[in-house]
Amino acid sequence: MYNGIEHTAIATRDPESLAGWYERNLEMPIVHRYGGNVFVRANDGSMIELIPSEGDPARTGMRTPGIRHLAIKVDDFDEGVSDLQSKGIEIVEFVQAGTNRLAFFLDPEGNILHLIHRGEPI
């Protein structure tokens, strides 16, 4: 009955601008707009909805309560890292977890993302 996560929403000061960043940097084209909300879609069909935020941003870190990061699948980890760095995106941490490789980075609003390449599927 439950078939996966169709989309996740991120509240942002400027949905159009942040959607453009995801489109330019992570190959997630803008696929839908309504009422100030903007959707971007990954190659696998999953989406991120960028919605207008209200109020001041909360201070968050890697382990504060709530959703902490979005993991972006890549076919070639090293190529993904090189591509991000060529676009001026700083990798803030690399993690090797068994056969899995992760590269953490931030979007322009400080949302935590990471590239992931799983050596063995789970």
PDB file of N, CA and C in Angstrom:
ATOM      1  N   MET A   1       0.819  -1.195   0.000  1.00  0.00           N
ATOM      2  CA  MET A   1       0.000   0.000   0.000  1.00  0.00           C
ATOM      3  C   MET A   1       0.864   1.260   0.000  1.00  0.00           C
ATOM      4  N   TYR A   2       1.922   1.302   0.799  1.00  0.00           N
ATOM      5  CA  TYR A   2       2.791   2.473   0.878  1.00  0.00           C
ATOM      6  C   TYR A   2       3.971   2.250  -0.052  1.00  0.00           C
ATOM      7  N   ASN A   3       4.185   3.181  -0.969  1.00  0.00           N
ATOM      8  CA  ASN A   3       5.120   2.940  -2.065  1.00  0.00           C
ATOM      9  C   ASN A   3       6.363   3.802  -2.064  1.00  0.00           C
ATOM     10  N   GLY A   4       6.654   4.493  -0.999  1.00  0.00           N
ATOM     11  CA  GLY A   4       7.873   5.292  -0.965  1.00  0.00           C
ATOM     12  C   GLY A   4       7.569   6.758  -0.754  1.00  0.00           C
ATOM     13  N   ILE A   5       8.619   7.532  -0.724  1.00  0.00           N
ATOM     14  CA  ILE A   5       8.489   8.970  -0.497  1.00  0.00           C
ATOM     15  C   ILE A   5       8.407   9.664  -1.857  1.00  0.00           C
ATOM     16  N   GLU A   6       7.301  10.309  -2.108  1.00  0.00           N
ATOM     17  CA  GLU A   6       7.074  10.989  -3.385  1.00  0.00           C
ATOM     18  C   GLU A   6       7.806  12.331  -3.413  1.00  0.00           C
ATOM     19  N   HIS A   7       7.737  13.063  -2.294  1.00  0.00           N
ATOM     20  CA  HIS A   7       8.501  14.305  -2.207  1.00  0.00           C
ATOM     21  C   HIS A   7       8.715  14.699  -0.759  1.00  0.00           C
ATOM     22  N   THR A   8       9.676  15.553  -0.568  1.00  0.00           N
ATOM     23  CA  THR A   8       9.977  16.166   0.717  1.00  0.00           C
ATOM     24  C   THR A   8       9.903  17.672   0.504  1.00  0.00           C
ATOM     25  N   ALA A   9       9.400  18.399   1.486  1.00  0.00           N
ATOM     26  CA  ALA A   9       9.291  19.855   1.362  1.00  0.00           C
ATOM     27  C   ALA A   9      10.384  20.536   2.171  1.00  0.00           C
ATOM     28  N   ILE A  10      10.927  21.601   1.602  1.00  0.00           N
ATOM     29  CA  ILE A  10      11.878  22.465   2.289  1.00  0.00           C
ATOM     30  C   ILE A  10      11.289  23.870   2.271  1.00  0.00           C
ATOM     31  N   ALA A  11      11.136  24.455   3.455  1.00  0.00           N
ATOM     32  CA  ALA A  11      10.667  25.844   3.541  1.00  0.00           C
ATOM     33  C   ALA A  11      11.873  26.761   3.310  1.00  0.00           C
ATOM     34  N   THR A  12      11.698  27.752   2.443  1.00  0.00           N
ATOM     35  CA  THR A  12      12.787  28.616   2.030  1.00  0.00           C
ATOM     36  C   THR A  12      12.301  30.047   1.829  1.00  0.00           C
ATOM     37  N   ARG A  13      13.204  30.990   2.025  1.00  0.00           N
ATOM     38  CA  ARG A  13      12.858  32.402   1.808  1.00  0.00           C
ATOM     39  C   ARG A  13      12.492  32.670   0.356  1.00  0.00           C
ATOM     40  N   ASP A  14      13.115  31.937  -0.571  1.00  0.00           N
ATOM     41  CA  ASP A  14      12.924  32.192  -1.998  1.00  0.00           C
ATOM     42  C   ASP A  14      12.843  30.865  -2.756  1.00  0.00           C
ATOM     43  N   PRO A  15      11.646  30.277  -2.845  1.00  0.00           N
ATOM     44  CA  PRO A  15      11.510  28.977  -3.515  1.00  0.00           C
ATOM     45  C   PRO A  15      12.060  28.948  -4.944  1.00  0.00           C
ATOM     46  N   GLU A  16      11.831  29.989  -5.710  1.00  0.00           N
ATOM     47  CA  GLU A  16      12.321  30.015  -7.099  1.00  0.00           C
ATOM     48  C   GLU A  16      13.847  29.960  -7.149  1.00  0.00           C
ATOM     49  N   SER A  17      14.488  30.742  -6.307  1.00  0.00           N
ATOM     50  CA  SER A  17      15.945  30.784  -6.300  1.00  0.00           C
ATOM     51  C   SER A  17      16.542  29.446  -5.872  1.00  0.00           C
ATOM     52  N   LEU A  18      16.010  28.880  -4.791  1.00  0.00           N
ATOM     53  CA  LEU A  18      16.559  27.612  -4.318  1.00  0.00           C
ATOM     54  C   LEU A  18      16.266  26.488  -5.317  1.00  0.00           C
ATOM     55  N   ALA A  19      15.094  26.502  -5.922  1.00  0.00           N
ATOM     56  CA  ALA A  19      14.783  25.501  -6.957  1.00  0.00           C
ATOM     57  C   ALA A  19      15.768  25.621  -8.116  1.00  0.00           C
ATOM     58  N   GLY A  20      16.094  26.842  -8.498  1.00  0.00           N
ATOM     59  CA  GLY A  20      17.072  27.053  -9.560  1.00  0.00           C
ATOM     60  C   GLY A  20      18.436  26.486  -9.208  1.00  0.00           C
ATOM     61  N   TRP A  21      18.818  26.611  -7.930  1.00  0.00           N
ATOM     62  CA  TRP A  21      20.098  26.059  -7.480  1.00  0.00           C
ATOM     63  C   TRP A  21      20.097  24.535  -7.632  1.00  0.00           C
ATOM     64  N   TYR A  22      19.010  23.887  -7.193  1.00  0.00           N
ATOM     65  CA  TYR A  22      18.904  22.431  -7.331  1.00  0.00           C
ATOM     66  C   TYR A  22      18.913  22.021  -8.810  1.00  0.00           C
ATOM     67  N   GLU A  23      18.261  22.806  -9.636  1.00  0.00           N
ATOM     68  CA  GLU A  23      18.226  22.514 -11.069  1.00  0.00           C
ATOM     69  C   GLU A  23      19.628  22.627 -11.678  1.00  0.00           C
ATOM     70  N   ARG A  24      20.317  23.714 -11.384  1.00  0.00           N
ATOM     71  CA  ARG A  24      21.648  23.947 -11.965  1.00  0.00           C
ATOM     72  C   ARG A  24      22.709  22.993 -11.428  1.00  0.00           C
ATOM     73  N   ASN A  25      22.667  22.706 -10.150  1.00  0.00           N
ATOM     74  CA  ASN A  25      23.766  21.995  -9.518  1.00  0.00           C
ATOM     75  C   ASN A  25      23.543  20.501  -9.322  1.00  0.00           C
ATOM     76  N   LEU A  26      22.295  20.066  -9.232  1.00  0.00           N
ATOM     77  CA  LEU A  26      22.019  18.656  -8.955  1.00  0.00           C
ATOM     78  C   LEU A  26      21.167  17.986 -10.029  1.00  0.00           C
ATOM     79  N   GLU A  27      21.055  18.636 -11.183  1.00  0.00           N
ATOM     80  CA  GLU A  27      20.324  18.066 -12.320  1.00  0.00           C
ATOM     81  C   GLU A  27      18.893  17.685 -11.955  1.00  0.00           C
ATOM     82  N   MET A  28      18.236  18.548 -11.167  1.00  0.00           N
ATOM     83  CA  MET A  28      16.841  18.341 -10.779  1.00  0.00           C
ATOM     84  C   MET A  28      16.010  19.453 -11.403  1.00  0.00           C
ATOM     85  N   PRO A  29      15.433  19.220 -12.571  1.00  0.00           N
ATOM     86  CA  PRO A  29      14.680  20.274 -13.239  1.00  0.00           C
ATOM     87  C   PRO A  29      13.405  20.657 -12.482  1.00  0.00           C
ATOM     88  N   ILE A  30      13.032  21.919 -12.650  1.00  0.00           N
ATOM     89  CA  ILE A  30      11.752  22.398 -12.117  1.00  0.00           C
ATOM     90  C   ILE A  30      10.653  21.756 -12.953  1.00  0.00           C
ATOM     91  N   VAL A  31       9.702  21.081 -12.272  1.00  0.00           N
ATOM     92  CA  VAL A  31       8.660  20.362 -12.986  1.00  0.00           C
ATOM     93  C   VAL A  31       7.252  20.865 -12.695  1.00  0.00           C
ATOM     94  N   HIS A  32       7.095  21.680 -11.648  1.00  0.00           N
ATOM     95  CA  HIS A  32       5.742  22.132 -11.305  1.00  0.00           C
ATOM     96  C   HIS A  32       5.839  23.351 -10.389  1.00  0.00           C
ATOM     97  N   ARG A  33       4.856  24.246 -10.564  1.00  0.00           N
ATOM     98  CA  ARG A  33       4.730  25.419  -9.704  1.00  0.00           C
ATOM     99  C   ARG A  33       3.262  25.609  -9.362  1.00  0.00           C
ATOM    100  N   TYR A  34       3.006  26.003  -8.104  1.00  0.00           N
ATOM    101  CA  TYR A  34       1.653  26.440  -7.747  1.00  0.00           C
ATOM    102  C   TYR A  34       1.718  27.249  -6.460  1.00  0.00           C
ATOM    103  N   GLY A  35       0.992  28.329  -6.417  1.00  0.00           N
ATOM    104  CA  GLY A  35       0.861  29.142  -5.215  1.00  0.00           C
ATOM    105  C   GLY A  35       2.153  29.534  -4.544  1.00  0.00           C
ATOM    106  N   GLY A  36       3.206  29.765  -5.293  1.00  0.00           N
ATOM    107  CA  GLY A  36       4.499  30.116  -4.718  1.00  0.00           C
ATOM    108  C   GLY A  36       5.379  28.924  -4.410  1.00  0.00           C
ATOM    109  N   ASN A  37       4.849  27.706  -4.545  1.00  0.00           N
ATOM    110  CA  ASN A  37       5.625  26.490  -4.319  1.00  0.00           C
ATOM    111  C   ASN A  37       6.243  26.047  -5.639  1.00  0.00           C
ATOM    112  N   VAL A  38       7.435  25.454  -5.550  1.00  0.00           N
ATOM    113  CA  VAL A  38       8.147  24.995  -6.742  1.00  0.00           C
ATOM    114  C   VAL A  38       8.646  23.571  -6.483  1.00  0.00           C
ATOM    115  N   PHE A  39       8.403  22.666  -7.436  1.00  0.00           N
ATOM    116  CA  PHE A  39       8.863  21.283  -7.330  1.00  0.00           C
ATOM    117  C   PHE A  39      10.032  21.054  -8.280  1.00  0.00           C
ATOM    118  N   VAL A  40      11.057  20.364  -7.788  1.00  0.00           N
ATOM    119  CA  VAL A  40      12.149  19.875  -8.635  1.00  0.00           C
ATOM    120  C   VAL A  40      12.132  18.354  -8.553  1.00  0.00           C
ATOM    121  N   ARG A  41      12.562  17.697  -9.646  1.00  0.00           N
ATOM    122  CA  ARG A  41      12.497  16.232  -9.711  1.00  0.00           C
ATOM    123  C   ARG A  41      13.860  15.650 -10.052  1.00  0.00           C
ATOM    124  N   ALA A  42      14.233  14.614  -9.291  1.00  0.00           N
ATOM    125  CA  ALA A  42      15.459  13.866  -9.563  1.00  0.00           C
ATOM    126  C   ALA A  42      15.201  12.847 -10.670  1.00  0.00           C
ATOM    127  N   ASN A  43      16.280  12.305 -11.210  1.00  0.00           N
ATOM    128  CA  ASN A  43      16.164  11.325 -12.294  1.00  0.00           C
ATOM    129  C   ASN A  43      15.353  10.103 -11.903  1.00  0.00           C
ATOM    130  N   ASP A  44      15.331   9.743 -10.616  1.00  0.00           N
ATOM    131  CA  ASP A  44      14.576   8.565 -10.192  1.00  0.00           C
ATOM    132  C   ASP A  44      13.103   8.854  -9.924  1.00  0.00           C
ATOM    133  N   GLY A  45      12.673  10.103 -10.112  1.00  0.00           N
ATOM    134  CA  GLY A  45      11.281  10.480  -9.930  1.00  0.00           C
ATOM    135  C   GLY A  45      10.966  11.111  -8.587  1.00  0.00           C
ATOM    136  N   SER A  46      11.863  10.991  -7.608  1.00  0.00           N
ATOM    137  CA  SER A  46      11.619  11.636  -6.315  1.00  0.00           C
ATOM    138  C   SER A  46      11.705  13.151  -6.483  1.00  0.00           C
ATOM    139  N   MET A  47      10.970  13.861  -5.641  1.00  0.00           N
ATOM    140  CA  MET A  47      10.906  15.317  -5.786  1.00  0.00           C
ATOM    141  C   MET A  47      11.177  16.029  -4.470  1.00  0.00           C
ATOM    142  N   ILE A  48      11.561  17.287  -4.606  1.00  0.00           N
ATOM    143  CA  ILE A  48      11.664  18.217  -3.487  1.00  0.00           C
ATOM    144  C   ILE A  48      10.719  19.366  -3.792  1.00  0.00           C
ATOM    145  N   GLU A  49       9.877  19.704  -2.834  1.00  0.00           N
ATOM    146  CA  GLU A  49       8.977  20.847  -2.963  1.00  0.00           C
ATOM    147  C   GLU A  49       9.589  22.001  -2.159  1.00  0.00           C
ATOM    148  N   LEU A  50       9.794  23.127  -2.806  1.00  0.00           N
ATOM    149  CA  LEU A  50      10.306  24.315  -2.142  1.00  0.00           C
ATOM    150  C   LEU A  50       9.122  25.216  -1.856  1.00  0.00           C
ATOM    151  N   ILE A  51       8.877  25.490  -0.573  1.00  0.00           N
ATOM    152  CA  ILE A  51       7.713  26.264  -0.166  1.00  0.00           C
ATOM    153  C   ILE A  51       8.160  27.552   0.517  1.00  0.00           C
ATOM    154  N   PRO A  52       7.368  28.627   0.423  1.00  0.00           N
ATOM    155  CA  PRO A  52       7.744  29.876   1.079  1.00  0.00           C
ATOM    156  C   PRO A  52       7.778  29.696   2.603  1.00  0.00           C
ATOM    157  N   SER A  53       8.867  30.150   3.206  1.00  0.00           N
ATOM    158  CA  SER A  53       9.000  30.023   4.659  1.00  0.00           C
ATOM    159  C   SER A  53       8.369  31.213   5.365  1.00  0.00           C
ATOM    160  N   GLU A  54       8.122  31.021   6.641  1.00  0.00           N
ATOM    161  CA  GLU A  54       7.610  32.080   7.511  1.00  0.00           C
ATOM    162  C   GLU A  54       8.463  32.088   8.770  1.00  0.00           C
ATOM    163  N   GLY A  55       8.817  33.263   9.262  1.00  0.00           N
ATOM    164  CA  GLY A  55       9.590  33.349  10.491  1.00  0.00           C
ATOM    165  C   GLY A  55      11.076  33.195  10.267  1.00  0.00           C
ATOM    166  N   ASP A  56      11.800  33.179  11.377  1.00  0.00           N
ATOM    167  CA  ASP A  56      13.254  33.059  11.343  1.00  0.00           C
ATOM    168  C   ASP A  56      13.658  31.596  11.206  1.00  0.00           C
ATOM    169  N   PRO A  57      14.770  31.349  10.511  1.00  0.00           N
ATOM    170  CA  PRO A  57      15.231  29.966  10.390  1.00  0.00           C
ATOM    171  C   PRO A  57      15.664  29.415  11.754  1.00  0.00           C
ATOM    172  N   ALA A  58      15.417  28.135  11.963  1.00  0.00           N
ATOM    173  CA  ALA A  58      15.862  27.461  13.182  1.00  0.00           C
ATOM    174  C   ALA A  58      17.341  27.126  13.054  1.00  0.00           C
ATOM    175  N   ARG A  59      18.039  27.117  14.162  1.00  0.00           N
ATOM    176  CA  ARG A  59      19.439  26.679  14.160  1.00  0.00           C
ATOM    177  C   ARG A  59      19.451  25.155  14.218  1.00  0.00           C
ATOM    178  N   THR A  60      20.076  24.557  13.230  1.00  0.00           N
ATOM    179  CA  THR A  60      20.126  23.104  13.174  1.00  0.00           C
ATOM    180  C   THR A  60      21.549  22.636  12.946  1.00  0.00           C
ATOM    181  N   GLY A  61      21.799  21.421  13.307  1.00  0.00           N
ATOM    182  CA  GLY A  61      23.087  20.782  13.086  1.00  0.00           C
ATOM    183  C   GLY A  61      22.859  19.343  12.682  1.00  0.00           C
ATOM    184  N   MET A  62      23.947  18.616  12.539  1.00  0.00           N
ATOM    185  CA  MET A  62      23.856  17.230  12.058  1.00  0.00           C
ATOM    186  C   MET A  62      23.025  16.330  12.971  1.00  0.00           C
ATOM    187  N   ARG A  63      22.910  16.667  14.250  1.00  0.00           N
ATOM    188  CA  ARG A  63      22.209  15.760  15.158  1.00  0.00           C
ATOM    189  C   ARG A  63      21.107  16.434  15.972  1.00  0.00           C
ATOM    190  N   THR A  64      20.705  17.649  15.594  1.00  0.00           N
ATOM    191  CA  THR A  64      19.573  18.255  16.273  1.00  0.00           C
ATOM    192  C   THR A  64      18.302  17.518  15.842  1.00  0.00           C
ATOM    193  N   PRO A  65      17.261  17.533  16.671  1.00  0.00           N
ATOM    194  CA  PRO A  65      16.046  16.786  16.339  1.00  0.00           C
ATOM    195  C   PRO A  65      15.439  17.224  15.003  1.00  0.00           C
ATOM    196  N   GLY A  66      14.843  16.276  14.315  1.00  0.00           N
ATOM    197  CA  GLY A  66      14.170  16.553  13.047  1.00  0.00           C
ATOM    198  C   GLY A  66      14.923  15.965  11.871  1.00  0.00           C
ATOM    199  N   ILE A  67      14.443  16.258  10.682  1.00  0.00           N
ATOM    200  CA  ILE A  67      15.102  15.778   9.466  1.00  0.00           C
ATOM    201  C   ILE A  67      16.439  16.502   9.337  1.00  0.00           C
ATOM    202  N   ARG A  68      17.516  15.771   9.151  1.00  0.00           N
ATOM    203  CA  ARG A  68      18.851  16.372   9.155  1.00  0.00           C
ATOM    204  C   ARG A  68      19.511  16.473   7.799  1.00  0.00           C
ATOM    205  N   HIS A  69      19.208  15.626   6.857  1.00  0.00           N
ATOM    206  CA  HIS A  69      19.864  15.735   5.555  1.00  0.00           C
ATOM    207  C   HIS A  69      19.059  15.023   4.480  1.00  0.00           C
ATOM    208  N   LEU A  70      19.395  15.356   3.253  1.00  0.00           N
ATOM    209  CA  LEU A  70      18.894  14.637   2.086  1.00  0.00           C
ATOM    210  C   LEU A  70      20.087  13.937   1.455  1.00  0.00           C
ATOM    211  N   ALA A  71      19.952  12.654   1.168  1.00  0.00           N
ATOM    212  CA  ALA A  71      21.023  11.885   0.548  1.00  0.00           C
ATOM    213  C   ALA A  71      20.748  11.782  -0.954  1.00  0.00           C
ATOM    214  N   ILE A  72      21.718  12.177  -1.737  1.00  0.00           N
ATOM    215  CA  ILE A  72      21.595  12.211  -3.191  1.00  0.00           C
ATOM    216  C   ILE A  72      22.387  11.038  -3.784  1.00  0.00           C
ATOM    217  N   LYS A  73      21.690  10.116  -4.459  1.00  0.00           N
ATOM    218  CA  LYS A  73      22.349   8.968  -5.083  1.00  0.00           C
ATOM    219  C   LYS A  73      23.156   9.428  -6.293  1.00  0.00           C
ATOM    220  N   VAL A  74      24.327   8.829  -6.467  1.00  0.00           N
ATOM    221  CA  VAL A  74      25.145   9.096  -7.657  1.00  0.00           C
ATOM    222  C   VAL A  74      25.645   7.775  -8.229  1.00  0.00           C
ATOM    223  N   ASP A  75      25.827   7.754  -9.539  1.00  0.00           N
ATOM    224  CA  ASP A  75      26.395   6.575 -10.189  1.00  0.00           C
ATOM    225  C   ASP A  75      27.897   6.496  -9.943  1.00  0.00           C
ATOM    226  N   ASP A  76      28.560   7.646 -10.025  1.00  0.00           N
ATOM    227  CA  ASP A  76      30.014   7.710  -9.877  1.00  0.00           C
ATOM    228  C   ASP A  76      30.326   8.743  -8.795  1.00  0.00           C
ATOM    229  N   PHE A  77      30.716   8.276  -7.635  1.00  0.00           N
ATOM    230  CA  PHE A  77      30.942   9.145  -6.479  1.00  0.00           C
ATOM    231  C   PHE A  77      32.002  10.205  -6.769  1.00  0.00           C
ATOM    232  N   ASP A  78      33.164   9.784  -7.275  1.00  0.00           N
ATOM    233  CA  ASP A  78      34.258  10.729  -7.522  1.00  0.00           C
ATOM    234  C   ASP A  78      33.865  11.786  -8.549  1.00  0.00           C
ATOM    235  N   GLU A  79      33.152  11.378  -9.577  1.00  0.00           N
ATOM    236  CA  GLU A  79      32.689  12.334 -10.588  1.00  0.00           C
ATOM    237  C   GLU A  79      31.699  13.326  -9.979  1.00  0.00           C
ATOM    238  N   GLY A  80      30.807  12.843  -9.106  1.00  0.00           N
ATOM    239  CA  GLY A  80      29.852  13.729  -8.435  1.00  0.00           C
ATOM    240  C   GLY A  80      30.552  14.761  -7.564  1.00  0.00           C
ATOM    241  N   VAL A  81      31.541  14.308  -6.786  1.00  0.00           N
ATOM    242  CA  VAL A  81      32.300  15.223  -5.933  1.00  0.00           C
ATOM    243  C   VAL A  81      33.014  16.256  -6.790  1.00  0.00           C
ATOM    244  N   SER A  82      33.685  15.813  -7.841  1.00  0.00           N
ATOM    245  CA  SER A  82      34.396  16.746  -8.735  1.00  0.00           C
ATOM    246  C   SER A  82      33.459  17.753  -9.359  1.00  0.00           C
ATOM    247  N   ASP A  83      32.266  17.292  -9.765  1.00  0.00           N
ATOM    248  CA  ASP A  83      31.287  18.192 -10.376  1.00  0.00           C
ATOM    249  C   ASP A  83      30.852  19.271  -9.388  1.00  0.00           C
ATOM    250  N   LEU A  84      30.522  18.868  -8.170  1.00  0.00           N
ATOM    251  CA  LEU A  84      30.119  19.861  -7.162  1.00  0.00           C
ATOM    252  C   LEU A  84      31.243  20.861  -6.909  1.00  0.00           C
ATOM    253  N   GLN A  85      32.453  20.366  -6.728  1.00  0.00           N
ATOM    254  CA  GLN A  85      33.574  21.258  -6.456  1.00  0.00           C
ATOM    255  C   GLN A  85      33.842  22.204  -7.625  1.00  0.00           C
ATOM    256  N   SER A  86      33.650  21.731  -8.855  1.00  0.00           N
ATOM    257  CA  SER A  86      33.855  22.601 -10.023  1.00  0.00           C
ATOM    258  C   SER A  86      32.825  23.727 -10.073  1.00  0.00           C
ATOM    259  N   LYS A  87      31.694  23.533  -9.381  1.00  0.00           N
ATOM    260  CA  LYS A  87      30.642  24.545  -9.312  1.00  0.00           C
ATOM    261  C   LYS A  87      30.796  25.436  -8.085  1.00  0.00           C
ATOM    262  N   GLY A  88      31.895  25.268  -7.349  1.00  0.00           N
ATOM    263  CA  GLY A  88      32.153  26.091  -6.179  1.00  0.00           C
ATOM    264  C   GLY A  88      31.445  25.620  -4.920  1.00  0.00           C
ATOM    265  N   ILE A  89      30.936  24.406  -4.928  1.00  0.00           N
ATOM    266  CA  ILE A  89      30.247  23.861  -3.758  1.00  0.00           C
ATOM    267  C   ILE A  89      31.278  23.152  -2.891  1.00  0.00           C
ATOM    268  N   GLU A  90      31.366  23.587  -1.639  1.00  0.00           N
ATOM    269  CA  GLU A  90      32.355  23.043  -0.720  1.00  0.00           C
ATOM    270  C   GLU A  90      31.856  21.734  -0.108  1.00  0.00           C
ATOM    271  N   ILE A  91      32.683  20.727  -0.161  1.00  0.00           N
ATOM    272  CA  ILE A  91      32.395  19.484   0.550  1.00  0.00           C
ATOM    273  C   ILE A  91      32.877  19.713   1.987  1.00  0.00           C
ATOM    274  N   VAL A  92      31.955  19.626   2.944  1.00  0.00           N
ATOM    275  CA  VAL A  92      32.303  19.946   4.328  1.00  0.00           C
ATOM    276  C   VAL A  92      32.757  18.721   5.112  1.00  0.00           C
ATOM    277  N   GLU A  93      32.448  17.521   4.618  1.00  0.00           N
ATOM    278  CA  GLU A  93      32.893  16.314   5.307  1.00  0.00           C
ATOM    279  C   GLU A  93      32.770  15.113   4.383  1.00  0.00           C
ATOM    280  N   PHE A  94      33.792  14.283   4.412  1.00  0.00           N
ATOM    281  CA  PHE A  94      33.753  12.989   3.732  1.00  0.00           C
ATOM    282  C   PHE A  94      33.617  11.903   4.798  1.00  0.00           C
ATOM    283  N   VAL A  95      32.818  10.884   4.502  1.00  0.00           N
ATOM    284  CA  VAL A  95      32.637   9.768   5.427  1.00  0.00           C
ATOM    285  C   VAL A  95      32.732   8.475   4.635  1.00  0.00           C
ATOM    286  N   GLN A  96      33.519   7.545   5.158  1.00  0.00           N
ATOM    287  CA  GLN A  96      33.562   6.192   4.625  1.00  0.00           C
ATOM    288  C   GLN A  96      32.894   5.317   5.680  1.00  0.00           C
ATOM    289  N   ALA A  97      31.750   4.737   5.362  1.00  0.00           N
ATOM    290  CA  ALA A  97      30.999   3.906   6.302  1.00  0.00           C
ATOM    291  C   ALA A  97      30.912   2.504   5.716  1.00  0.00           C
ATOM    292  N   GLY A  98      31.855   1.669   6.071  1.00  0.00           N
ATOM    293  CA  GLY A  98      31.943   0.352   5.440  1.00  0.00           C
ATOM    294  C   GLY A  98      32.284   0.543   3.976  1.00  0.00           C
ATOM    295  N   THR A  99      31.426   0.037   3.093  1.00  0.00           N
ATOM    296  CA  THR A  99      31.667   0.201   1.658  1.00  0.00           C
ATOM    297  C   THR A  99      30.919   1.410   1.086  1.00  0.00           C
ATOM    298  N   ASN A 100      30.265   2.168   1.957  1.00  0.00           N
ATOM    299  CA  ASN A 100      29.521   3.351   1.514  1.00  0.00           C
ATOM    300  C   ASN A 100      30.403   4.587   1.590  1.00  0.00           C
ATOM    301  N   ARG A 101      30.270   5.442   0.592  1.00  0.00           N
ATOM    302  CA  ARG A 101      31.020   6.699   0.559  1.00  0.00           C
ATOM    303  C   ARG A 101      30.032   7.849   0.566  1.00  0.00           C
ATOM    304  N   LEU A 102      30.295   8.845   1.423  1.00  0.00           N
ATOM    305  CA  LEU A 102      29.425  10.006   1.563  1.00  0.00           C
ATOM    306  C   LEU A 102      30.251  11.280   1.477  1.00  0.00           C
ATOM    307  N   ALA A 103      29.670  12.307   0.883  1.00  0.00           N
ATOM    308  CA  ALA A 103      30.290  13.628   0.805  1.00  0.00           C
ATOM    309  C   ALA A 103      29.224  14.658   1.175  1.00  0.00           C
ATOM    310  N   PHE A 104      29.377  15.266   2.350  1.00  0.00           N
ATOM    311  CA  PHE A 104      28.398  16.221   2.853  1.00  0.00           C
ATOM    312  C   PHE A 104      28.666  17.625   2.319  1.00  0.00           C
ATOM    313  N   PHE A 105      27.582  18.346   1.998  1.00  0.00           N
ATOM    314  CA  PHE A 105      27.659  19.726   1.529  1.00  0.00           C
ATOM    315  C   PHE A 105      26.363  20.418   1.891  1.00  0.00           C
ATOM    316  N   LEU A 106      26.310  21.734   1.684  1.00  0.00           N
ATOM    317  CA  LEU A 106      25.143  22.531   2.038  1.00  0.00           C
ATOM    318  C   LEU A 106      24.576  23.209   0.805  1.00  0.00           C
ATOM    319  N   ASP A 107      23.244  23.364   0.789  1.00  0.00           N
ATOM    320  CA  ASP A 107      22.667  24.209  -0.247  1.00  0.00           C
ATOM    321  C   ASP A 107      22.807  25.669   0.207  1.00  0.00           C
ATOM    322  N   PRO A 108      22.427  26.646  -0.604  1.00  0.00           N
ATOM    323  CA  PRO A 108      22.643  28.054  -0.238  1.00  0.00           C
ATOM    324  C   PRO A 108      21.935  28.500   1.043  1.00  0.00           C
ATOM    325  N   GLU A 109      20.931  27.756   1.489  1.00  0.00           N
ATOM    326  CA  GLU A 109      20.227  28.132   2.717  1.00  0.00           C
ATOM    327  C   GLU A 109      20.683  27.318   3.917  1.00  0.00           C
ATOM    328  N   GLY A 110      21.725  26.515   3.744  1.00  0.00           N
ATOM    329  CA  GLY A 110      22.281  25.761   4.857  1.00  0.00           C
ATOM    330  C   GLY A 110      21.652  24.402   5.083  1.00  0.00           C
ATOM    331  N   ASN A 111      20.767  23.962   4.187  1.00  0.00           N
ATOM    332  CA  ASN A 111      20.222  22.615   4.301  1.00  0.00           C
ATOM    333  C   ASN A 111      21.327  21.614   3.999  1.00  0.00           C
ATOM    334  N   ILE A 112      21.398  20.558   4.805  1.00  0.00           N
ATOM    335  CA  ILE A 112      22.462  19.575   4.687  1.00  0.00           C
ATOM    336  C   ILE A 112      22.071  18.519   3.659  1.00  0.00           C
ATOM    337  N   LEU A 113      22.990  18.277   2.733  1.00  0.00           N
ATOM    338  CA  LEU A 113      22.822  17.233   1.731  1.00  0.00           C
ATOM    339  C   LEU A 113      24.080  16.387   1.724  1.00  0.00           C
ATOM    340  N   HIS A 114      23.995  15.219   1.156  1.00  0.00           N
ATOM    341  CA  HIS A 114      25.225  14.476   0.894  1.00  0.00           C
ATOM    342  C   HIS A 114      25.051  13.560  -0.299  1.00  0.00           C
ATOM    343  N   LEU A 115      26.147  13.418  -1.019  1.00  0.00           N
ATOM    344  CA  LEU A 115      26.208  12.414  -2.070  1.00  0.00           C
ATOM    345  C   LEU A 115      26.407  11.078  -1.380  1.00  0.00           C
ATOM    346  N   ILE A 116      25.823  10.045  -1.946  1.00  0.00           N
ATOM    347  CA  ILE A 116      26.029   8.708  -1.401  1.00  0.00           C
ATOM    348  C   ILE A 116      26.231   7.718  -2.529  1.00  0.00           C
ATOM    349  N   HIS A 117      27.223   6.875  -2.324  1.00  0.00           N
ATOM    350  CA  HIS A 117      27.431   5.722  -3.195  1.00  0.00           C
ATOM    351  C   HIS A 117      27.541   4.512  -2.288  1.00  0.00           C
ATOM    352  N   ARG A 118      26.603   3.576  -2.415  1.00  0.00           N
ATOM    353  CA  ARG A 118      26.603   2.377  -1.591  1.00  0.00           C
ATOM    354  C   ARG A 118      27.396   1.275  -2.293  1.00  0.00           C
ATOM    355  N   GLY A 119      28.413   0.780  -1.618  1.00  0.00           N
ATOM    356  CA  GLY A 119      29.186  -0.338  -2.154  1.00  0.00           C
ATOM    357  C   GLY A 119      28.361  -1.604  -2.201  1.00  0.00           C
ATOM    358  N   GLU A 120      27.462  -1.746  -1.228  1.00  0.00           N
ATOM    359  CA  GLU A 120      26.556  -2.890  -1.181  1.00  0.00           C
ATOM    360  C   GLU A 120      25.153  -2.353  -0.868  1.00  0.00           C
ATOM    361  N   PRO A 121      24.182  -2.677  -1.689  1.00  0.00           N
ATOM    362  CA  PRO A 121      22.812  -2.196  -1.415  1.00  0.00           C
ATOM    363  C   PRO A 121      22.298  -2.714  -0.073  1.00  0.00           C
ATOM    364  N   ILE A 122      21.416  -1.945   0.545  1.00  0.00           N
ATOM    365  CA  ILE A 122      20.795  -2.423   1.790  1.00  0.00           C
ATOM    366  C   ILE A 122      19.366  -2.834   1.519  1.00  0.00           C
TER     367      ILE A 122
END
